Amino acid sequence: MDSLWEDNVTLKDLTCATPTVQATKTAAKTHYDEFPFNATLEGTASLKWDYSVVYVNETENRAAGGLMSHFMAYCRILDNDPFWVRIKSGSPPAQ
């Protein structure tokens, strides 16, 4: 297991235990997620970047993780390969 990935997971888990993040947990949102992604050098353990952790719907989070894995494989993103994520403004899709 990659040490940076493990560090990202550890810090994400510690952050999720804080009262501020726990306050976002609801019956529908029981799975926490982070940005930047654990799989990146800019994950929660990086001292260069800010990060966000919030509780989300587990089914949606797992689906998004699957899409992320597919993207990494399809685009052949390897360790240290640069890529960027475009954040689009607007309302989230209807549930």
N, C-alpha and C. Protein backbone atom coordinates (compact mmCIF):
# COMPACT_ATOMS: atom_id res chain seq x y z
N MET A 1 0.85 -1.19 0.00
CA MET A 1 0.00 0.00 0.00
C MET A 1 0.89 1.24 0.00
N ASP A 2 0.51 2.22 -0.75
CA ASP A 2 1.27 3.46 -0.89
C ASP A 2 1.21 4.28 0.39
N SER A 3 2.36 4.73 0.86
CA SER A 3 2.43 5.50 2.11
C SER A 3 1.64 6.81 2.03
N LEU A 4 1.73 7.52 0.91
CA LEU A 4 0.98 8.78 0.76
C LEU A 4 -0.51 8.52 0.82
N TRP A 5 -0.98 7.46 0.15
CA TRP A 5 -2.40 7.11 0.18
C TRP A 5 -2.83 6.82 1.61
N GLU A 6 -2.01 6.05 2.34
CA GLU A 6 -2.33 5.74 3.74
C GLU A 6 -2.37 7.01 4.58
N ASP A 7 -1.44 7.92 4.36
CA ASP A 7 -1.44 9.19 5.09
C ASP A 7 -2.70 10.00 4.77
N ASN A 8 -3.10 10.02 3.51
CA ASN A 8 -4.33 10.72 3.12
C ASN A 8 -5.54 10.13 3.83
N VAL A 9 -5.63 8.81 3.86
CA VAL A 9 -6.77 8.14 4.52
C VAL A 9 -6.77 8.44 6.01
N THR A 10 -5.61 8.37 6.65
CA THR A 10 -5.51 8.62 8.09
C THR A 10 -5.97 10.03 8.43
N LEU A 11 -5.49 11.03 7.71
CA LEU A 11 -5.88 12.41 8.00
C LEU A 11 -7.36 12.64 7.70
N LYS A 12 -7.86 12.04 6.62
CA LYS A 12 -9.29 12.16 6.30
C LYS A 12 -10.12 11.58 7.44
N ASP A 13 -9.74 10.39 7.93
CA ASP A 13 -10.48 9.75 9.02
C ASP A 13 -10.45 10.60 10.29
N LEU A 14 -9.31 11.17 10.61
CA LEU A 14 -9.21 12.04 11.79
C LEU A 14 -10.08 13.28 11.63
N THR A 15 -10.07 13.86 10.45
CA THR A 15 -10.88 15.05 10.18
C THR A 15 -12.36 14.72 10.29
N CYS A 16 -12.75 13.54 9.82
CA CYS A 16 -14.17 13.15 9.85
C CYS A 16 -14.67 12.94 11.27
N ALA A 17 -13.78 12.71 12.21
CA ALA A 17 -14.18 12.52 13.60
C ALA A 17 -14.41 13.85 14.33
N THR A 18 -14.09 14.97 13.70
CA THR A 18 -14.25 16.27 14.35
C THR A 18 -15.73 16.66 14.41
N PRO A 19 -16.12 17.44 15.41
CA PRO A 19 -17.52 17.86 15.53
C PRO A 19 -18.05 18.61 14.30
N THR A 20 -17.20 19.42 13.67
CA THR A 20 -17.66 20.18 12.50
C THR A 20 -18.09 19.26 11.37
N VAL A 21 -17.30 18.24 11.09
CA VAL A 21 -17.65 17.31 10.02
C VAL A 21 -18.79 16.39 10.47
N GLN A 22 -18.77 15.96 11.72
CA GLN A 22 -19.84 15.10 12.23
C GLN A 22 -21.20 15.79 12.12
N ALA A 23 -21.22 17.11 12.19
CA ALA A 23 -22.48 17.86 12.10
C ALA A 23 -23.11 17.75 10.71
N THR A 24 -22.33 17.34 9.70
CA THR A 24 -22.89 17.19 8.35
C THR A 24 -23.49 15.81 8.12
N LYS A 25 -23.36 14.93 9.10
CA LYS A 25 -23.86 13.56 8.96
C LYS A 25 -25.38 13.53 9.17
N THR A 26 -26.08 12.85 8.26
CA THR A 26 -27.54 12.69 8.37
C THR A 26 -27.87 11.23 8.08
N ALA A 27 -29.15 10.89 8.19
CA ALA A 27 -29.58 9.52 7.88
C ALA A 27 -29.26 9.16 6.43
N ALA A 28 -29.35 10.14 5.54
CA ALA A 28 -29.10 9.89 4.12
C ALA A 28 -27.62 10.04 3.74
N LYS A 29 -26.87 10.69 4.60
CA LYS A 29 -25.45 10.95 4.30
C LYS A 29 -24.59 10.33 5.39
N THR A 30 -24.15 9.10 5.15
CA THR A 30 -23.42 8.35 6.16
C THR A 30 -22.00 8.00 5.75
N HIS A 31 -21.58 8.44 4.60
CA HIS A 31 -20.26 8.09 4.07
C HIS A 31 -19.51 9.38 3.82
N TYR A 32 -18.29 9.50 4.33
CA TYR A 32 -17.59 10.76 4.12
C TYR A 32 -16.68 10.71 2.90
N ASP A 33 -16.51 11.87 2.32
CA ASP A 33 -15.72 12.00 1.11
C ASP A 33 -14.82 13.21 1.24
N GLU A 34 -13.76 13.21 0.47
CA GLU A 34 -12.77 14.28 0.55
C GLU A 34 -12.44 14.81 -0.84
N PHE A 35 -11.96 16.03 -0.85
CA PHE A 35 -11.42 16.63 -2.07
C PHE A 35 -10.24 17.49 -1.66
N PRO A 36 -9.11 17.41 -2.29
CA PRO A 36 -8.76 16.56 -3.41
C PRO A 36 -8.83 15.07 -3.05
N PHE A 37 -8.85 14.24 -4.07
CA PHE A 37 -9.03 12.80 -3.93
C PHE A 37 -7.86 12.15 -3.18
N ASN A 38 -8.15 11.08 -2.43
CA ASN A 38 -7.10 10.33 -1.73
C ASN A 38 -6.01 9.87 -2.67
N ALA A 39 -6.38 9.54 -3.89
CA ALA A 39 -5.44 8.94 -4.84
C ALA A 39 -4.46 9.94 -5.43
N THR A 40 -4.53 11.20 -5.05
CA THR A 40 -3.67 12.21 -5.66
C THR A 40 -2.60 12.69 -4.69
N LEU A 41 -1.56 13.30 -5.24
CA LEU A 41 -0.51 13.89 -4.41
C LEU A 41 -1.03 15.08 -3.63
N GLU A 42 -2.15 15.65 -4.05
CA GLU A 42 -2.73 16.80 -3.38
C GLU A 42 -3.78 16.40 -2.35
N GLY A 43 -3.82 15.15 -1.94
CA GLY A 43 -4.81 14.66 -0.97
C GLY A 43 -4.70 15.35 0.37
N THR A 44 -5.46 14.90 1.33
CA THR A 44 -5.56 15.56 2.63
C THR A 44 -4.23 15.64 3.38
N ALA A 45 -3.30 14.73 3.11
CA ALA A 45 -2.03 14.74 3.84
C ALA A 45 -1.03 15.77 3.31
N SER A 46 -1.32 16.37 2.17
CA SER A 46 -0.41 17.37 1.61
C SER A 46 -0.47 18.65 2.44
N LEU A 47 0.68 19.17 2.78
CA LEU A 47 0.73 20.42 3.55
C LEU A 47 0.61 21.64 2.65
N LYS A 48 0.66 21.44 1.32
CA LYS A 48 0.59 22.55 0.37
C LYS A 48 -0.83 22.97 0.04
N TRP A 49 -1.81 22.11 0.27
CA TRP A 49 -3.16 22.34 -0.23
C TRP A 49 -4.17 22.32 0.90
N ASP A 50 -5.23 23.07 0.74
CA ASP A 50 -6.39 22.93 1.62
C ASP A 50 -7.19 21.73 1.13
N TYR A 51 -8.06 21.23 1.99
CA TYR A 51 -8.89 20.10 1.59
C TYR A 51 -10.26 20.23 2.23
N SER A 52 -11.19 19.45 1.74
CA SER A 52 -12.56 19.47 2.24
C SER A 52 -12.99 18.04 2.52
N VAL A 53 -13.70 17.85 3.64
CA VAL A 53 -14.27 16.55 3.99
C VAL A 53 -15.70 16.79 4.43
N VAL A 54 -16.63 16.00 3.89
CA VAL A 54 -18.04 16.15 4.22
C VAL A 54 -18.73 14.79 4.07
N TYR A 55 -19.80 14.60 4.82
CA TYR A 55 -20.58 13.37 4.68
C TYR A 55 -21.46 13.47 3.44
N VAL A 56 -21.54 12.35 2.71
CA VAL A 56 -22.32 12.27 1.48
C VAL A 56 -23.08 10.95 1.45
N ASN A 57 -23.95 10.79 0.47
CA ASN A 57 -24.69 9.55 0.28
C ASN A 57 -23.70 8.45 -0.13
N GLU A 58 -23.74 7.32 0.57
CA GLU A 58 -22.76 6.25 0.33
C GLU A 58 -22.86 5.67 -1.09
N THR A 59 -24.07 5.44 -1.57
CA THR A 59 -24.24 4.88 -2.91
C THR A 59 -23.65 5.81 -3.96
N GLU A 60 -23.94 7.10 -3.83
CA GLU A 60 -23.41 8.08 -4.79
C GLU A 60 -21.88 8.18 -4.68
N ASN A 61 -21.37 8.12 -3.45
CA ASN A 61 -19.93 8.21 -3.26
C ASN A 61 -19.21 7.02 -3.88
N ARG A 62 -19.76 5.83 -3.68
CA ARG A 62 -19.14 4.63 -4.26
C ARG A 62 -19.21 4.68 -5.79
N ALA A 63 -20.32 5.17 -6.32
CA ALA A 63 -20.45 5.30 -7.78
C ALA A 63 -19.41 6.29 -8.31
N ALA A 64 -19.24 7.40 -7.61
CA ALA A 64 -18.26 8.40 -8.03
C ALA A 64 -16.84 7.83 -7.95
N GLY A 65 -16.57 7.05 -6.92
CA GLY A 65 -15.27 6.40 -6.81
C GLY A 65 -15.01 5.45 -7.96
N GLY A 66 -16.04 4.72 -8.36
CA GLY A 66 -15.91 3.82 -9.51
C GLY A 66 -15.63 4.58 -10.79
N LEU A 67 -16.31 5.71 -10.96
CA LEU A 67 -16.06 6.55 -12.14
C LEU A 67 -14.64 7.11 -12.13
N MET A 68 -14.17 7.48 -10.93
CA MET A 68 -12.81 8.00 -10.81
C MET A 68 -11.79 6.92 -11.18
N SER A 69 -12.01 5.71 -10.69
CA SER A 69 -11.11 4.60 -11.02
C SER A 69 -11.12 4.32 -12.52
N HIS A 70 -12.31 4.36 -13.11
CA HIS A 70 -12.43 4.14 -14.56
C HIS A 70 -11.68 5.23 -15.32
N PHE A 71 -11.85 6.47 -14.90
CA PHE A 71 -11.16 7.60 -15.54
C PHE A 71 -9.65 7.39 -15.48
N MET A 72 -9.13 7.03 -14.30
CA MET A 72 -7.68 6.84 -14.13
C MET A 72 -7.16 5.74 -15.05
N ALA A 73 -7.91 4.64 -15.14
CA ALA A 73 -7.48 3.52 -15.99
C ALA A 73 -7.64 3.87 -17.47
N TYR A 74 -8.79 4.40 -17.85
CA TYR A 74 -9.07 4.71 -19.25
C TYR A 74 -8.09 5.74 -19.82
N CYS A 75 -7.79 6.75 -19.02
CA CYS A 75 -6.88 7.80 -19.47
C CYS A 75 -5.42 7.49 -19.14
N ARG A 76 -5.21 6.31 -18.55
CA ARG A 76 -3.86 5.84 -18.21
C ARG A 76 -3.10 6.84 -17.35
N ILE A 77 -3.79 7.32 -16.31
CA ILE A 77 -3.16 8.24 -15.36
C ILE A 77 -2.28 7.41 -14.44
N LEU A 78 -0.98 7.68 -14.45
CA LEU A 78 -0.02 6.97 -13.62
C LEU A 78 0.47 7.88 -12.50
N ASP A 79 1.23 7.32 -11.56
CA ASP A 79 1.80 8.13 -10.48
C ASP A 79 2.53 9.33 -11.07
N ASN A 80 2.28 10.48 -10.49
CA ASN A 80 2.89 11.76 -10.86
C ASN A 80 2.43 12.31 -12.21
N ASP A 81 1.47 11.68 -12.86
CA ASP A 81 0.90 12.25 -14.08
C ASP A 81 -0.01 13.42 -13.71
N PRO A 82 0.16 14.56 -14.36
CA PRO A 82 -0.72 15.69 -14.06
C PRO A 82 -2.09 15.53 -14.72
N PHE A 83 -3.11 15.96 -14.00
CA PHE A 83 -4.46 16.08 -14.56
C PHE A 83 -5.18 17.11 -13.73
N TRP A 84 -6.27 17.65 -14.24
CA TRP A 84 -7.03 18.64 -13.48
C TRP A 84 -8.49 18.29 -13.51
N VAL A 85 -9.20 18.82 -12.55
CA VAL A 85 -10.64 18.59 -12.41
C VAL A 85 -11.34 19.92 -12.62
N ARG A 86 -12.27 19.96 -13.55
CA ARG A 86 -13.04 21.18 -13.80
C ARG A 86 -14.27 21.16 -12.91
N ILE A 87 -14.40 22.17 -12.09
CA ILE A 87 -15.55 22.32 -11.21
C ILE A 87 -16.56 23.22 -11.91
N LYS A 88 -17.75 22.70 -12.12
CA LYS A 88 -18.79 23.47 -12.80
C LYS A 88 -19.76 24.03 -11.77
N SER A 89 -20.11 25.29 -11.91
CA SER A 89 -21.06 25.89 -10.98
C SER A 89 -22.47 25.50 -11.38
N GLY A 90 -23.37 25.64 -10.43
CA GLY A 90 -24.77 25.32 -10.71
C GLY A 90 -25.33 24.36 -9.68
N SER A 91 -26.56 24.04 -9.85
CA SER A 91 -27.24 23.13 -8.93
C SER A 91 -26.82 21.69 -9.20
N PRO A 92 -26.77 20.87 -8.15
CA PRO A 92 -26.45 19.46 -8.36
C PRO A 92 -27.59 18.78 -9.11
N PRO A 93 -27.33 17.63 -9.71
CA PRO A 93 -28.39 16.92 -10.43
C PRO A 93 -29.52 16.52 -9.49
N ALA A 94 -30.72 16.40 -10.03
CA ALA A 94 -31.88 15.99 -9.22
C ALA A 94 -31.66 14.58 -8.68
N GLN A 95 -32.12 14.37 -7.48
CA GLN A 95 -31.96 13.05 -6.84
C GLN A 95 -33.05 12.11 -7.24
